[in-house]
PDB file of N, CA and C in Angstrom:
ATOM      1  N   UNK A   1       1.805 -21.102 -25.640  1.00  0.00           N
ATOM      2  CA  UNK A   1       0.841 -20.102 -24.907  1.00  0.00           C
ATOM      3  C   UNK A   1       1.591 -18.858 -24.613  1.00  0.00           C
ATOM      4  N   UNK A   2       1.152 -17.721 -24.649  1.00  0.00           N
ATOM      5  CA  UNK A   2       1.861 -16.596 -24.322  1.00  0.00           C
ATOM      6  C   UNK A   2       1.259 -16.144 -23.024  1.00  0.00           C
ATOM      7  N   UNK A   3       2.343 -15.419 -22.098  1.00  0.00           N
ATOM      8  CA  UNK A   3       2.241 -15.092 -20.758  1.00  0.00           C
ATOM      9  C   UNK A   3       1.835 -13.621 -20.985  1.00  0.00           C
ATOM     10  N   UNK A   4       1.130 -13.229 -20.283  1.00  0.00           N
ATOM     11  CA  UNK A   4       0.389 -11.880 -19.795  1.00  0.00           C
ATOM     12  C   UNK A   4       1.331 -10.985 -19.017  1.00  0.00           C
ATOM     13  N   UNK A   5       1.845  -9.844 -19.259  1.00  0.00           N
ATOM     14  CA  UNK A   5       2.808  -9.233 -18.466  1.00  0.00           C
ATOM     15  C   UNK A   5       1.934  -8.374 -17.318  1.00  0.00           C
ATOM     16  N   UNK A   6       2.407  -8.614 -16.228  1.00  0.00           N
ATOM     17  CA  UNK A   6       1.444  -7.940 -15.056  1.00  0.00           C
ATOM     18  C   UNK A   6       2.068  -6.818 -14.832  1.00  0.00           C
ATOM     19  N   UNK A   7       1.169  -5.797 -14.406  1.00  0.00           N
ATOM     20  CA  UNK A   7       1.739  -4.327 -13.941  1.00  0.00           C
ATOM     21  C   UNK A   7       0.910  -3.810 -12.872  1.00  0.00           C
ATOM     22  N   UNK A   8       1.801  -3.563 -11.795  1.00  0.00           N
ATOM     23  CA  UNK A   8       1.428  -2.948 -10.578  1.00  0.00           C
ATOM     24  C   UNK A   8       1.620  -1.609 -10.676  1.00  0.00           C
ATOM     25  N   UNK A   9       0.726  -0.806 -10.121  1.00  0.00           N
ATOM     26  CA  UNK A   9       0.855   0.579 -10.222  1.00  0.00           C
ATOM     27  C   UNK A   9       0.552   1.312  -8.758  1.00  0.00           C
ATOM     28  N   UNK A  10       1.498   2.326  -8.425  1.00  0.00           N
ATOM     29  CA  UNK A  10       1.502   2.801  -7.208  1.00  0.00           C
ATOM     30  C   UNK A  10       0.590   4.002  -7.470  1.00  0.00           C
ATOM     31  N   UNK A  11      -0.387   4.256  -6.404  1.00  0.00           N
ATOM     32  CA  UNK A  11      -1.209   5.313  -6.462  1.00  0.00           C
ATOM     33  C   UNK A  11      -1.488   5.886  -5.055  1.00  0.00           C
ATOM     34  N   UNK A  12      -2.018   7.250  -5.143  1.00  0.00           N
ATOM     35  CA  UNK A  12      -2.352   7.740  -3.925  1.00  0.00           C
ATOM     36  C   UNK A  12      -3.622   8.729  -3.778  1.00  0.00           C
ATOM     37  N   UNK A  13      -4.468   8.403  -4.779  1.00  0.00           N
ATOM     38  CA  UNK A  13      -5.848   9.192  -4.944  1.00  0.00           C
ATOM     39  C   UNK A  13      -6.878   8.219  -5.607  1.00  0.00           C
ATOM     40  N   UNK A  14      -8.161   8.486  -5.595  1.00  0.00           N
ATOM     41  CA  UNK A  14      -9.094   7.949  -6.209  1.00  0.00           C
ATOM     42  C   UNK A  14      -9.006   8.070  -7.823  1.00  0.00           C
ATOM     43  N   UNK A  15      -8.568   9.478  -8.202  1.00  0.00           N
ATOM     44  CA  UNK A  15      -8.269   9.663  -9.593  1.00  0.00           C
ATOM     45  C   UNK A  15      -7.051   8.828 -10.144  1.00  0.00           C
ATOM     46  N   UNK A  16      -6.043   8.543  -9.453  1.00  0.00           N
ATOM     47  CA  UNK A  16      -4.881   7.957  -9.826  1.00  0.00           C
ATOM     48  C   UNK A  16      -5.017   6.278 -10.009  1.00  0.00           C
ATOM     49  N   UNK A  17      -6.219   5.881  -9.139  1.00  0.00           N
ATOM     50  CA  UNK A  17      -6.603   4.470  -9.214  1.00  0.00           C
ATOM     51  C   UNK A  17      -7.230   4.269 -10.482  1.00  0.00           C
ATOM     52  N   UNK A  18      -8.362   5.056 -10.741  1.00  0.00           N
ATOM     53  CA  UNK A  18      -9.248   4.954 -11.811  1.00  0.00           C
ATOM     54  C   UNK A  18      -8.459   5.199 -13.206  1.00  0.00           C
ATOM     55  N   UNK A  19      -7.478   5.983 -13.139  1.00  0.00           N
ATOM     56  CA  UNK A  19      -6.283   6.024 -14.308  1.00  0.00           C
ATOM     57  C   UNK A  19      -5.645   4.975 -14.243  1.00  0.00           C
ATOM     58  N   UNK A  20      -5.159   4.326 -13.231  1.00  0.00           N
ATOM     59  CA  UNK A  20      -4.291   3.103 -13.229  1.00  0.00           C
ATOM     60  C   UNK A  20      -5.113   1.878 -13.963  1.00  0.00           C
ATOM     61  N   UNK A  21      -6.315   1.813 -13.461  1.00  0.00           N
ATOM     62  CA  UNK A  21      -7.262   0.502 -14.180  1.00  0.00           C
ATOM     63  C   UNK A  21      -7.425   0.902 -15.767  1.00  0.00           C
ATOM     64  N   UNK A  22      -7.687   2.275 -16.148  1.00  0.00           N
ATOM     65  CA  UNK A  22      -7.940   2.384 -17.466  1.00  0.00           C
ATOM     66  C   UNK A  22      -6.361   2.043 -18.264  1.00  0.00           C
ATOM     67  N   UNK A  23      -5.388   2.457 -17.698  1.00  0.00           N
ATOM     68  CA  UNK A  23      -3.998   2.108 -18.260  1.00  0.00           C
ATOM     69  C   UNK A  23      -3.663   0.467 -18.192  1.00  0.00           C
ATOM     70  N   UNK A  24      -4.434  -0.165 -17.704  1.00  0.00           N
ATOM     71  CA  UNK A  24      -4.165  -1.565 -17.744  1.00  0.00           C
ATOM     72  C   UNK A  24      -3.391  -2.199 -16.472  1.00  0.00           C
ATOM     73  N   UNK A  25      -3.517  -1.418 -15.402  1.00  0.00           N
ATOM     74  CA  UNK A  25      -2.835  -2.189 -14.203  1.00  0.00           C
ATOM     75  C   UNK A  25      -3.453  -3.525 -13.773  1.00  0.00           C
ATOM     76  N   UNK A  26      -2.559  -4.335 -13.465  1.00  0.00           N
ATOM     77  CA  UNK A  26      -3.041  -5.591 -12.859  1.00  0.00           C
ATOM     78  C   UNK A  26      -3.893  -5.361 -11.403  1.00  0.00           C
ATOM     79  N   UNK A  27      -3.082  -4.726 -10.707  1.00  0.00           N
ATOM     80  CA  UNK A  27      -3.581  -4.577  -9.154  1.00  0.00           C
ATOM     81  C   UNK A  27      -3.027  -3.042  -8.999  1.00  0.00           C
ATOM     82  N   UNK A  28      -3.312  -2.739  -7.741  1.00  0.00           N
ATOM     83  CA  UNK A  28      -2.855  -1.115  -7.451  1.00  0.00           C
ATOM     84  C   UNK A  28      -2.054  -1.320  -6.129  1.00  0.00           C
ATOM     85  N   UNK A  29      -1.041  -0.533  -5.692  1.00  0.00           N
ATOM     86  CA  UNK A  29      -0.618  -0.405  -4.173  1.00  0.00           C
ATOM     87  C   UNK A  29      -0.988   0.922  -3.869  1.00  0.00           C
ATOM     88  N   UNK A  30      -1.727   0.906  -2.878  1.00  0.00           N
ATOM     89  CA  UNK A  30      -2.265   2.282  -2.359  1.00  0.00           C
ATOM     90  C   UNK A  30      -1.339   2.743  -1.229  1.00  0.00           C
ATOM     91  N   UNK A  31      -0.856   3.983  -1.580  1.00  0.00           N
ATOM     92  CA  UNK A  31       0.019   4.725  -0.513  1.00  0.00           C
ATOM     93  C   UNK A  31      -0.617   6.077  -0.119  1.00  0.00           C
ATOM     94  N   UNK A  32       0.061   6.669   0.777  1.00  0.00           N
ATOM     95  CA  UNK A  32      -0.091   8.104   0.778  1.00  0.00           C
ATOM     96  C   UNK A  32       1.309   8.560   0.759  1.00  0.00           C
ATOM     97  N   UNK A  33       1.410   9.954   0.529  1.00  0.00           N
ATOM     98  CA  UNK A  33       2.989  10.530   0.570  1.00  0.00           C
ATOM     99  C   UNK A  33       3.794   9.973  -0.319  1.00  0.00           C
ATOM    100  N   UNK A  34       3.562   9.850  -1.659  1.00  0.00           N
ATOM    101  CA  UNK A  34       4.509   9.186  -2.599  1.00  0.00           C
ATOM    102  C   UNK A  34       5.813   9.946  -2.731  1.00  0.00           C
ATOM    103  N   UNK A  35       5.874  11.137  -2.228  1.00  0.00           N
ATOM    104  CA  UNK A  35       7.010  11.767  -2.508  1.00  0.00           C
ATOM    105  C   UNK A  35       7.953  11.417  -1.310  1.00  0.00           C
ATOM    106  N   UNK A  36       7.477  10.767  -0.304  1.00  0.00           N
ATOM    107  CA  UNK A  36       8.370  10.561   0.692  1.00  0.00           C
ATOM    108  C   UNK A  36       8.601   8.786   0.824  1.00  0.00           C
ATOM    109  N   UNK A  37       8.280   8.498  -0.278  1.00  0.00           N
ATOM    110  CA  UNK A  37       8.411   6.955  -0.530  1.00  0.00           C
ATOM    111  C   UNK A  37       7.181   6.041  -0.156  1.00  0.00           C
ATOM    112  N   UNK A  38       6.198   6.698   0.189  1.00  0.00           N
ATOM    113  CA  UNK A  38       5.186   6.021   0.486  1.00  0.00           C
ATOM    114  C   UNK A  38       4.784   5.719   1.888  1.00  0.00           C
ATOM    115  N   UNK A  39       3.452   6.324   2.553  1.00  0.00           N
ATOM    116  CA  UNK A  39       3.067   5.932   3.707  1.00  0.00           C
ATOM    117  C   UNK A  39       1.722   5.216   3.760  1.00  0.00           C
ATOM    118  N   UNK A  40       1.264   4.828   5.015  1.00  0.00           N
ATOM    119  CA  UNK A  40      -0.052   4.271   5.221  1.00  0.00           C
ATOM    120  C   UNK A  40      -1.193   5.318   4.700  1.00  0.00           C
ATOM    121  N   UNK A  41      -2.027   5.130   3.794  1.00  0.00           N
ATOM    122  CA  UNK A  41      -3.240   5.719   3.597  1.00  0.00           C
ATOM    123  C   UNK A  41      -4.188   5.828   4.609  1.00  0.00           C
ATOM    124  N   UNK A  42      -5.010   6.694   4.416  1.00  0.00           N
ATOM    125  CA  UNK A  42      -6.257   6.756   5.228  1.00  0.00           C
ATOM    126  C   UNK A  42      -7.057   5.309   4.994  1.00  0.00           C
ATOM    127  N   UNK A  43      -7.845   5.106   5.856  1.00  0.00           N
ATOM    128  CA  UNK A  43      -9.107   3.942   5.641  1.00  0.00           C
ATOM    129  C   UNK A  43     -10.207   4.936   4.774  1.00  0.00           C
ATOM    130  N   UNK A  44     -10.540   6.077   4.814  1.00  0.00           N
ATOM    131  CA  UNK A  44     -11.497   6.809   3.805  1.00  0.00           C
ATOM    132  C   UNK A  44     -10.868   6.572   2.537  1.00  0.00           C
ATOM    133  N   UNK A  45      -9.641   6.926   2.240  1.00  0.00           N
ATOM    134  CA  UNK A  45      -9.020   6.662   0.888  1.00  0.00           C
ATOM    135  C   UNK A  45      -9.277   5.292   0.373  1.00  0.00           C
ATOM    136  N   UNK A  46      -8.905   4.320   1.147  1.00  0.00           N
ATOM    137  CA  UNK A  46      -9.007   2.742   0.906  1.00  0.00           C
ATOM    138  C   UNK A  46     -10.286   2.524   0.258  1.00  0.00           C
ATOM    139  N   UNK A  47     -11.477   3.072   1.131  1.00  0.00           N
ATOM    140  CA  UNK A  47     -12.601   2.731   0.873  1.00  0.00           C
ATOM    141  C   UNK A  47     -13.073   3.457  -0.269  1.00  0.00           C
ATOM    142  N   UNK A  48     -12.650   4.653  -0.492  1.00  0.00           N
ATOM    143  CA  UNK A  48     -13.249   5.237  -1.745  1.00  0.00           C
ATOM    144  C   UNK A  48     -12.505   4.736  -3.158  1.00  0.00           C
ATOM    145  N   UNK A  49     -11.421   4.443  -3.015  1.00  0.00           N
ATOM    146  CA  UNK A  49     -10.714   3.489  -4.118  1.00  0.00           C
ATOM    147  C   UNK A  49     -11.288   2.219  -4.118  1.00  0.00           C
ATOM    148  N   UNK A  50     -11.807   1.467  -3.247  1.00  0.00           N
ATOM    149  CA  UNK A  50     -12.144   0.236  -3.597  1.00  0.00           C
ATOM    150  C   UNK A  50     -13.580   0.273  -4.127  1.00  0.00           C
ATOM    151  N   UNK A  51     -14.461   1.498  -3.930  1.00  0.00           N
ATOM    152  CA  UNK A  51     -15.505   1.647  -4.707  1.00  0.00           C
ATOM    153  C   UNK A  51     -15.576   1.952  -6.143  1.00  0.00           C
ATOM    154  N   UNK A  52     -14.240   2.758  -6.308  1.00  0.00           N
ATOM    155  CA  UNK A  52     -14.018   3.207  -7.755  1.00  0.00           C
ATOM    156  C   UNK A  52     -13.548   2.469  -8.699  1.00  0.00           C
ATOM    157  N   UNK A  53     -12.734   1.288  -8.365  1.00  0.00           N
ATOM    158  CA  UNK A  53     -12.260   0.390  -9.190  1.00  0.00           C
ATOM    159  C   UNK A  53     -12.385  -1.433  -9.040  1.00  0.00           C
ATOM    160  N   UNK A  54     -12.064  -2.131 -10.058  1.00  0.00           N
ATOM    161  CA  UNK A  54     -12.236  -3.347  -9.734  1.00  0.00           C
ATOM    162  C   UNK A  54     -11.084  -4.259  -9.848  1.00  0.00           C
ATOM    163  N   UNK A  55      -9.960  -3.554  -9.311  1.00  0.00           N
ATOM    164  CA  UNK A  55      -8.764  -4.289  -9.127  1.00  0.00           C
ATOM    165  C   UNK A  55      -8.532  -4.630  -7.772  1.00  0.00           C
ATOM    166  N   UNK A  56      -7.844  -5.547  -7.665  1.00  0.00           N
ATOM    167  CA  UNK A  56      -6.953  -5.869  -6.305  1.00  0.00           C
ATOM    168  C   UNK A  56      -6.122  -4.517  -5.544  1.00  0.00           C
ATOM    169  N   UNK A  57      -6.305  -4.524  -4.394  1.00  0.00           N
ATOM    170  CA  UNK A  57      -5.851  -3.262  -3.789  1.00  0.00           C
ATOM    171  C   UNK A  57      -4.957  -3.865  -2.664  1.00  0.00           C
ATOM    172  N   UNK A  58      -3.650  -3.526  -2.868  1.00  0.00           N
ATOM    173  CA  UNK A  58      -2.430  -3.865  -1.617  1.00  0.00           C
ATOM    174  C   UNK A  58      -2.180  -2.591  -0.961  1.00  0.00           C
ATOM    175  N   UNK A  59      -2.229  -2.397   0.209  1.00  0.00           N
ATOM    176  CA  UNK A  59      -1.878  -1.344   0.898  1.00  0.00           C
ATOM    177  C   UNK A  59      -0.594  -1.278   1.730  1.00  0.00           C
ATOM    178  N   UNK A  60       0.129  -0.045   1.276  1.00  0.00           N
ATOM    179  CA  UNK A  60       1.140   0.273   2.133  1.00  0.00           C
ATOM    180  C   UNK A  60       1.304   0.364   3.484  1.00  0.00           C
ATOM    181  N   UNK A  61       1.932  -0.338   4.119  1.00  0.00           N
ATOM    182  CA  UNK A  61       1.983  -0.199   5.835  1.00  0.00           C
ATOM    183  C   UNK A  61       3.210   0.515   6.206  1.00  0.00           C
ATOM    184  N   UNK A  62       3.383   1.615   6.449  1.00  0.00           N
ATOM    185  CA  UNK A  62       4.438   2.341   6.755  1.00  0.00           C
ATOM    186  C   UNK A  62       4.053   3.602   7.588  1.00  0.00           C
ATOM    187  N   UNK A  63       4.341   4.007   9.014  1.00  0.00           N
ATOM    188  CA  UNK A  63       3.714   4.735   9.541  1.00  0.00           C
ATOM    189  C   UNK A  63       4.452   6.339   9.451  1.00  0.00           C
ATOM    190  N   UNK A  64       5.546   6.296   8.755  1.00  0.00           N
ATOM    191  CA  UNK A  64       6.290   7.418   8.383  1.00  0.00           C
ATOM    192  C   UNK A  64       7.238   7.249   7.277  1.00  0.00           C
ATOM    193  N   UNK A  65       7.688   8.370   6.817  1.00  0.00           N
ATOM    194  CA  UNK A  65       8.600   8.308   5.799  1.00  0.00           C
ATOM    195  C   UNK A  65      10.196   8.380   6.562  1.00  0.00           C
ATOM    196  N   UNK A  66      11.131   8.566   5.679  1.00  0.00           N
ATOM    197  CA  UNK A  66      12.596   8.126   6.177  1.00  0.00           C
ATOM    198  C   UNK A  66      12.990   6.671   6.024  1.00  0.00           C
ATOM    199  N   UNK A  67      13.697   6.332   7.247  1.00  0.00           N
ATOM    200  CA  UNK A  67      14.104   4.819   7.149  1.00  0.00           C
ATOM    201  C   UNK A  67      12.949   3.630   7.425  1.00  0.00           C
ATOM    202  N   UNK A  68      13.761   2.444   7.192  1.00  0.00           N
ATOM    203  CA  UNK A  68      12.611   1.351   7.877  1.00  0.00           C
ATOM    204  C   UNK A  68      13.016   0.623   8.950  1.00  0.00           C
ATOM    205  N   UNK A  69      13.659   1.362   9.866  1.00  0.00           N
ATOM    206  CA  UNK A  69      13.994   0.707  11.161  1.00  0.00           C
ATOM    207  C   UNK A  69      12.887   1.417  12.173  1.00  0.00           C
ATOM    208  N   UNK A  70      12.010   0.699  12.587  1.00  0.00           N
ATOM    209  CA  UNK A  70      10.818   1.125  13.353  1.00  0.00           C
ATOM    210  C   UNK A  70      11.046   0.770  15.110  1.00  0.00           C
ATOM    211  N   UNK A  71      10.679   1.719  15.692  1.00  0.00           N
ATOM    212  CA  UNK A  71      10.148   1.413  17.176  1.00  0.00           C
ATOM    213  C   UNK A  71       9.386   0.489  17.541  1.00  0.00           C
ATOM    214  N   UNK A  72       9.531  -0.208  18.565  1.00  0.00           N
ATOM    215  CA  UNK A  72       8.463  -1.196  19.071  1.00  0.00           C
ATOM    216  C   UNK A  72       7.122  -0.647  18.974  1.00  0.00           C
ATOM    217  N   UNK A  73       6.895   0.754  19.357  1.00  0.00           N
ATOM    218  CA  UNK A  73       5.619   1.531  19.352  1.00  0.00           C
ATOM    219  C   UNK A  73       4.957   1.593  17.869  1.00  0.00           C
ATOM    220  N   UNK A  74       6.092   1.739  16.900  1.00  0.00           N
ATOM    221  CA  UNK A  74       5.819   2.059  15.429  1.00  0.00           C
ATOM    222  C   UNK A  74       5.255   0.672  14.859  1.00  0.00           C
ATOM    223  N   UNK A  75       5.804  -0.502  15.288  1.00  0.00           N
ATOM    224  CA  UNK A  75       5.530  -1.762  15.028  1.00  0.00           C
ATOM    225  C   UNK A  75       4.176  -2.333  15.288  1.00  0.00           C
ATOM    226  N   UNK A  76       3.935  -1.727  16.642  1.00  0.00           N
ATOM    227  CA  UNK A  76       2.440  -1.996  17.428  1.00  0.00           C
ATOM    228  C   UNK A  76       1.281  -1.213  16.151  1.00  0.00           C
ATOM    229  N   UNK A  77       1.805   0.191  15.931  1.00  0.00           N
ATOM    230  CA  UNK A  77       0.869   0.752  14.922  1.00  0.00           C
ATOM    231  C   UNK A  77       0.671   0.088  13.597  1.00  0.00           C
ATOM    232  N   UNK A  78       1.682  -0.308  13.035  1.00  0.00           N
ATOM    233  CA  UNK A  78       1.847  -1.230  11.821  1.00  0.00           C
ATOM    234  C   UNK A  78       0.721  -2.327  11.891  1.00  0.00           C
ATOM    235  N   UNK A  79       0.947  -2.965  13.213  1.00  0.00           N
ATOM    236  CA  UNK A  79       0.135  -4.219  13.269  1.00  0.00           C
ATOM    237  C   UNK A  79      -1.441  -3.904  13.421  1.00  0.00           C
ATOM    238  N   UNK A  80      -1.687  -2.918  13.902  1.00  0.00           N
ATOM    239  CA  UNK A  80      -2.912  -2.390  14.022  1.00  0.00           C
ATOM    240  C   UNK A  80      -3.573  -2.038  12.837  1.00  0.00           C
ATOM    241  N   UNK A  81      -2.529  -1.328  12.048  1.00  0.00           N
ATOM    242  CA  UNK A  81      -3.000  -0.805  10.626  1.00  0.00           C
ATOM    243  C   UNK A  81      -3.300  -2.162   9.858  1.00  0.00           C
ATOM    244  N   UNK A  82      -2.504  -3.050   9.843  1.00  0.00           N
ATOM    245  CA  UNK A  82      -2.795  -4.371   9.023  1.00  0.00           C
ATOM    246  C   UNK A  82      -4.137  -5.014   9.481  1.00  0.00           C
ATOM    247  N   UNK A  83      -4.355  -5.078  10.539  1.00  0.00           N
ATOM    248  CA  UNK A  83      -5.543  -5.625  11.211  1.00  0.00           C
ATOM    249  C   UNK A  83      -6.951  -4.622  10.497  1.00  0.00           C
ATOM    250  N   UNK A  84      -6.872  -3.590  10.630  1.00  0.00           N
ATOM    251  CA  UNK A  84      -7.772  -2.614   9.990  1.00  0.00           C
ATOM    252  C   UNK A  84      -8.133  -2.965   8.509  1.00  0.00           C
ATOM    253  N   UNK A  85      -6.957  -2.953   7.893  1.00  0.00           N
ATOM    254  CA  UNK A  85      -7.104  -3.014   6.324  1.00  0.00           C
ATOM    255  C   UNK A  85      -7.674  -4.258   5.895  1.00  0.00           C
ATOM    256  N   UNK A  86      -7.298  -5.417   6.703  1.00  0.00           N
ATOM    257  CA  UNK A  86      -7.491  -6.895   6.269  1.00  0.00           C
ATOM    258  C   UNK A  86      -9.033  -6.692   6.411  1.00  0.00           C
ATOM    259  N   UNK A  87      -9.733  -6.241   7.733  1.00  0.00           N
ATOM    260  CA  UNK A  87     -11.049  -6.169   8.012  1.00  0.00           C
ATOM    261  C   UNK A  87     -11.716  -5.441   6.716  1.00  0.00           C
ATOM    262  N   UNK A  88     -11.293  -4.397   6.324  1.00  0.00           N
ATOM    263  CA  UNK A  88     -11.771  -3.424   5.382  1.00  0.00           C
ATOM    264  C   UNK A  88     -11.895  -4.078   4.140  1.00  0.00           C
ATOM    265  N   UNK A  89     -11.231  -5.290   3.780  1.00  0.00           N
ATOM    266  CA  UNK A  89     -10.963  -6.100   2.561  1.00  0.00           C
ATOM    267  C   UNK A  89      -9.901  -5.591   1.618  1.00  0.00           C
ATOM    268  N   UNK A  90      -8.810  -5.313   1.993  1.00  0.00           N
ATOM    269  CA  UNK A  90      -7.473  -5.327   1.363  1.00  0.00           C
ATOM    270  C   UNK A  90      -7.058  -6.581   0.803  1.00  0.00           C
ATOM    271  N   UNK A  91      -6.721  -6.817  -0.193  1.00  0.00           N
ATOM    272  CA  UNK A  91      -6.138  -7.899  -0.923  1.00  0.00           C
ATOM    273  C   UNK A  91      -4.960  -8.312  -0.147  1.00  0.00           C
ATOM    274  N   UNK A  92      -4.035  -7.185   0.313  1.00  0.00           N
ATOM    275  CA  UNK A  92      -2.923  -7.694   0.543  1.00  0.00           C
ATOM    276  C   UNK A  92      -2.160  -6.390   1.218  1.00  0.00           C
ATOM    277  N   UNK A  93      -0.730  -6.380   1.917  1.00  0.00           N
ATOM    278  CA  UNK A  93      -0.332  -5.237   2.384  1.00  0.00           C
ATOM    279  C   UNK A  93       0.963  -5.340   1.829  1.00  0.00           C
ATOM    280  N   UNK A  94       1.767  -4.161   1.978  1.00  0.00           N
ATOM    281  CA  UNK A  94       3.143  -3.972   1.316  1.00  0.00           C
ATOM    282  C   UNK A  94       3.946  -3.186   2.435  1.00  0.00           C
ATOM    283  N   UNK A  95       4.713  -3.734   2.837  1.00  0.00           N
ATOM    284  CA  UNK A  95       5.802  -2.963   4.047  1.00  0.00           C
ATOM    285  C   UNK A  95       7.389  -3.763   3.963  1.00  0.00           C
ATOM    286  N   UNK A  96       8.029  -2.923   4.594  1.00  0.00           N
ATOM    287  CA  UNK A  96       9.556  -3.441   4.745  1.00  0.00           C
ATOM    288  C   UNK A  96       9.972  -2.899   6.042  1.00  0.00           C
ATOM    289  N   UNK A  97      10.671  -3.676   6.552  1.00  0.00           N
ATOM    290  CA  UNK A  97      11.313  -3.577   8.052  1.00  0.00           C
ATOM    291  C   UNK A  97      12.936  -3.831   7.826  1.00  0.00           C
ATOM    292  N   UNK A  98      13.772  -2.937   8.339  1.00  0.00           N
ATOM    293  CA  UNK A  98      15.174  -3.167   8.339  1.00  0.00           C
ATOM    294  C   UNK A  98      15.698  -3.116   9.858  1.00  0.00           C
ATOM    295  N   UNK A  99      16.926  -3.822  10.196  1.00  0.00           N
ATOM    296  CA  UNK A  99      17.409  -3.763  11.428  1.00  0.00           C
ATOM    297  C   UNK A  99      18.236  -2.421  11.598  1.00  0.00           C
ATOM    298  N   UNK A 100      18.594  -2.005  12.599  1.00  0.00           N
ATOM    299  CA  UNK A 100      19.379  -0.799  12.882  1.00  0.00           C
ATOM    300  C   UNK A 100      20.529  -0.723  11.839  1.00  0.00           C
ATOM    301  N   UNK A 101      21.124  -1.910  11.448  1.00  0.00           N
ATOM    302  CA  UNK A 101      22.313  -1.911  10.895  1.00  0.00           C
ATOM    303  C   UNK A 101      22.017  -2.076   9.123  1.00  0.00           C
ATOM    304  N   UNK A 102      20.669  -1.854   8.906  1.00  0.00           N
ATOM    305  CA  UNK A 102      20.116  -1.722   7.742  1.00  0.00           C
ATOM    306  C   UNK A 102      20.016  -3.098   6.854  1.00  0.00           C
ATOM    307  N   UNK A 103      19.911  -4.344   7.668  1.00  0.00           N
ATOM    308  CA  UNK A 103      19.744  -5.453   7.043  1.00  0.00           C
ATOM    309  C   UNK A 103      18.196  -5.746   7.233  1.00  0.00           C
ATOM    310  N   UNK A 104      17.726  -6.764   6.334  1.00  0.00           N
ATOM    311  CA  UNK A 104      16.287  -7.144   6.456  1.00  0.00           C
ATOM    312  C   UNK A 104      16.255  -7.998   7.663  1.00  0.00           C
ATOM    313  N   UNK A 105      15.092  -7.297   8.565  1.00  0.00           N
ATOM    314  CA  UNK A 105      14.713  -7.988   9.775  1.00  0.00           C
ATOM    315  C   UNK A 105      13.562  -8.799   9.750  1.00  0.00           C
TER     316      UNK A 105
END
């Protein structure tokens, strides 16, 4: 029995979501500001992408570009964003956090 290759595609617009689905994506990672490495998209963008495709959508949770060392306030923003996207029907979230020394925290 052969295994099917899975493909995640990072997207930042409704158009790129549609093209990812046409191209055979298994699921998508929805981000804003891909040139900055990806940040949290708007709820409006999430809702429009959800209407446009029939794939699982994983949402990037990242309040800003640059490093992955967040202040306590930024972590609270991230927690709130996670709750919002969970309620809106996201299939999952994507995030990363490092300690000030650059270690996984």
